[in-house]
Amino acid sequence: MIINLENDQQKLELSAQVLERLQEGLQAVARLNELPEESEVDVTIVDDEEIHALNREYRGMDKPTDVLSFALDEDCEDEDEPELIGGPEEHLFGDIIISAETALRQAEEYGHGLEREMTYLAVHGMFHLLGYDHMTEEDKAEMRAKEEEALRAINLSEEYFDHPTGIH
């Protein structure tokens, strides 16, 4: 999968390792879902001020959030998700916007580090682009299981944090 990654914020310095792991998480999602190599996603890292403005404009929520996803296929006539089999090899799924500031706060709150939080948010956003949601408990459980499967593939699953050799 082609990942166009842009860091548009200046408030938090992100290490190359954090950005690489984020991309590894997205590649894990692509492999698990057998997405064509030519599939493409845009990821932009912003600050709380920017994501607050986007959240207000597009979701009517007057507060910052951790991640927003904007699928390019959301306005298709039928309610089904984009057809990948037999369609064009190249497919731009959409945009994932992540707030670095909120990610850092959540990483500290959950006690697992910025690398894991940023990667989780990217994976979460990508699953939204693939049509998953968490509006019901059943949907939330299904989406969460898929997220953990992707994170497990790159050793960032929650299960690794219970072991002394896990990533913190």
Protein backbone atom coordinates (compact mmCIF):
# COMPACT_ATOMS: atom_id res chain seq x y z
CA MET A 1 0.00 0.00 0.00
CA ILE A 2 1.15 3.50 -0.77
CA ILE A 3 1.10 5.72 2.31
CA ASN A 4 1.38 9.46 1.87
CA LEU A 5 2.44 10.68 5.31
CA GLU A 6 2.66 14.34 6.23
CA ASN A 7 3.48 15.84 9.62
CA ASP A 8 1.73 19.24 9.60
CA GLN A 9 2.22 20.08 13.26
CA GLN A 10 5.10 21.72 15.11
CA LYS A 11 4.10 21.19 18.74
CA LEU A 12 5.47 17.68 19.21
CA GLU A 13 8.63 16.22 17.73
CA LEU A 14 7.89 12.78 16.34
CA SER A 15 10.77 10.34 16.00
CA ALA A 16 11.44 8.47 12.79
CA GLN A 17 10.63 5.27 14.70
CA VAL A 18 7.13 6.51 15.61
CA LEU A 19 6.43 7.39 11.98
CA GLU A 20 7.87 4.09 10.70
CA ARG A 21 5.75 2.04 13.13
CA LEU A 22 2.64 3.97 12.11
CA GLN A 23 3.33 2.99 8.50
CA GLU A 24 4.03 -0.63 9.52
CA GLY A 25 0.62 -0.72 11.18
CA LEU A 26 -1.07 0.48 8.01
CA GLN A 27 0.85 -2.07 5.93
CA ALA A 28 -0.32 -4.79 8.34
CA VAL A 29 -3.93 -3.72 7.75
CA ALA A 30 -3.30 -3.82 3.99
CA ARG A 31 -1.84 -7.35 4.18
CA LEU A 32 -4.61 -8.69 6.42
CA ASN A 33 -7.23 -7.29 4.04
CA GLU A 34 -5.35 -8.33 0.90
CA LEU A 35 -5.42 -4.80 -0.48
CA PRO A 36 -3.68 -4.28 -3.83
CA GLU A 37 -0.17 -2.83 -3.56
CA GLU A 38 -1.38 0.18 -5.55
CA SER A 39 -3.94 1.04 -2.86
CA GLU A 40 -3.28 4.44 -1.36
CA VAL A 41 -4.07 6.34 1.83
CA ASP A 42 -3.16 9.87 2.93
CA VAL A 43 -2.18 10.35 6.58
CA THR A 44 -1.75 13.81 8.04
CA ILE A 45 -0.55 14.49 11.57
CA VAL A 46 -1.87 17.74 13.02
CA ASP A 47 -2.14 19.53 16.37
CA ASP A 48 -5.23 19.80 18.57
CA GLU A 49 -6.18 23.18 17.14
CA GLU A 50 -6.36 21.82 13.59
CA ILE A 51 -8.22 18.61 14.46
CA HIS A 52 -10.62 20.65 16.62
CA ALA A 53 -11.47 22.81 13.60
CA LEU A 54 -11.95 19.74 11.38
CA ASN A 55 -14.04 17.96 14.00
CA ARG A 56 -16.29 21.03 14.36
CA GLU A 57 -16.64 21.53 10.60
CA TYR A 58 -17.24 17.93 9.54
CA ARG A 59 -18.76 16.27 12.61
CA GLY A 60 -20.35 19.19 14.46
CA MET A 61 -18.25 18.36 17.55
CA ASP A 62 -16.70 21.46 19.14
CA LYS A 63 -13.65 19.78 20.65
CA PRO A 64 -10.43 18.12 19.56
CA THR A 65 -10.42 14.39 18.91
CA ASP A 66 -7.68 11.81 18.37
CA VAL A 67 -8.33 10.65 14.80
CA LEU A 68 -10.63 11.46 11.91
CA SER A 69 -11.12 9.43 8.73
CA PHE A 70 -12.54 10.73 5.49
CA ALA A 71 -13.35 7.98 3.00
CA LEU A 72 -13.43 8.98 -0.65
CA ASP A 73 -16.09 6.36 -1.37
CA GLU A 74 -18.56 7.46 1.32
CA ASP A 75 -20.88 9.16 -1.14
CA CYS A 76 -21.31 6.13 -3.41
CA GLU A 77 -24.92 5.59 -4.51
CA ASP A 78 -25.22 2.21 -2.83
CA GLU A 79 -24.53 1.79 0.85
CA ASP A 80 -21.97 -0.97 0.28
CA GLU A 81 -18.27 -0.46 0.77
CA PRO A 82 -15.94 -0.06 -2.23
CA GLU A 83 -15.53 -3.17 -4.35
CA LEU A 84 -11.89 -4.23 -4.43
CA ILE A 85 -12.13 -7.52 -6.29
CA GLY A 86 -12.12 -7.04 -10.03
CA GLY A 87 -11.96 -3.26 -9.72
CA PRO A 88 -9.07 -1.03 -10.66
CA GLU A 89 -5.75 -1.94 -9.09
CA GLU A 90 -5.24 1.64 -7.93
CA HIS A 91 -7.55 2.80 -5.17
CA LEU A 92 -7.28 5.90 -3.00
CA PHE A 93 -9.17 5.07 0.19
CA GLY A 94 -9.15 8.54 1.70
CA ASP A 95 -7.58 10.57 4.48
CA ILE A 96 -6.64 9.80 8.06
CA ILE A 97 -6.00 12.82 10.28
CA ILE A 98 -4.28 12.23 13.65
CA SER A 99 -3.72 14.73 16.45
CA ALA A 100 -0.21 14.25 17.83
CA GLU A 101 -1.09 16.17 20.99
CA THR A 102 -4.13 14.04 21.78
CA ALA A 103 -2.17 10.88 20.93
CA LEU A 104 0.51 11.85 23.45
CA ARG A 105 -2.07 12.52 26.19
CA GLN A 106 -3.76 9.18 25.50
CA ALA A 107 -0.45 7.31 25.43
CA GLU A 108 0.37 8.70 28.87
CA GLU A 109 -3.13 7.92 30.13
CA TYR A 110 -3.04 4.32 28.86
CA GLY A 111 0.62 3.84 29.81
CA HIS A 112 1.84 2.39 26.53
CA GLY A 113 3.84 5.08 24.76
CA LEU A 114 3.43 7.35 21.78
CA GLU A 115 4.63 4.77 19.24
CA ARG A 116 1.81 2.37 20.07
CA GLU A 117 -0.84 5.11 20.34
CA MET A 118 0.00 6.76 17.01
CA THR A 119 0.08 3.37 15.30
CA TYR A 120 -3.21 2.33 16.88
CA LEU A 121 -4.89 5.56 15.75
CA ALA A 122 -3.66 5.05 12.17
CA VAL A 123 -4.89 1.44 12.17
CA HIS A 124 -8.22 2.52 13.67
CA GLY A 125 -8.60 5.19 11.01
CA MET A 126 -7.76 2.74 8.23
CA PHE A 127 -10.40 0.29 9.41
CA HIS A 128 -12.94 3.12 9.26
CA LEU A 129 -11.88 3.70 5.65
CA LEU A 130 -12.46 -0.01 5.01
CA GLY A 131 -16.03 0.31 6.26
CA TYR A 132 -15.73 -0.79 9.90
CA ASP A 133 -17.43 1.20 12.63
CA HIS A 134 -18.16 1.04 16.35
CA MET A 135 -21.71 2.32 16.63
CA THR A 136 -22.99 -0.91 18.24
CA GLU A 137 -21.26 -3.15 20.76
CA GLU A 138 -21.13 -5.95 18.18
CA ASP A 139 -19.53 -3.68 15.57
CA LYS A 140 -17.12 -2.29 18.17
CA ALA A 141 -16.01 -5.80 19.19
CA GLU A 142 -15.48 -6.80 15.56
CA MET A 143 -13.50 -3.64 14.75
CA ARG A 144 -11.41 -3.95 17.92
CA ALA A 145 -10.54 -7.57 17.09
CA LYS A 146 -9.41 -6.53 13.60
CA GLU A 147 -7.31 -3.69 15.04
CA GLU A 148 -5.63 -6.03 17.51
CA GLU A 149 -4.94 -8.54 14.73
CA ALA A 150 -3.12 -5.84 12.74
CA LEU A 151 -1.20 -4.61 15.80
CA ARG A 152 -0.30 -8.19 16.76
CA ALA A 153 1.28 -8.62 13.32
CA ILE A 154 3.81 -5.90 14.23
CA ASN A 155 4.13 -6.75 17.94
CA LEU A 156 2.15 -3.74 19.20
CA SER A 157 -0.96 -5.57 20.37
CA GLU A 158 -2.22 -5.00 23.91
CA GLU A 159 -1.15 -8.54 24.80
CA TYR A 160 2.51 -7.53 24.46
CA PHE A 161 2.19 -4.96 27.23
CA ASP A 162 1.57 -7.65 29.84
CA HIS A 163 4.97 -9.27 29.21
CA PRO A 164 8.36 -8.03 30.42
CA THR A 165 9.68 -8.12 26.84
CA GLY A 166 6.79 -6.07 25.52
CA ILE A 167 7.01 -2.60 24.00
CA HIS A 168 6.21 0.21 26.42
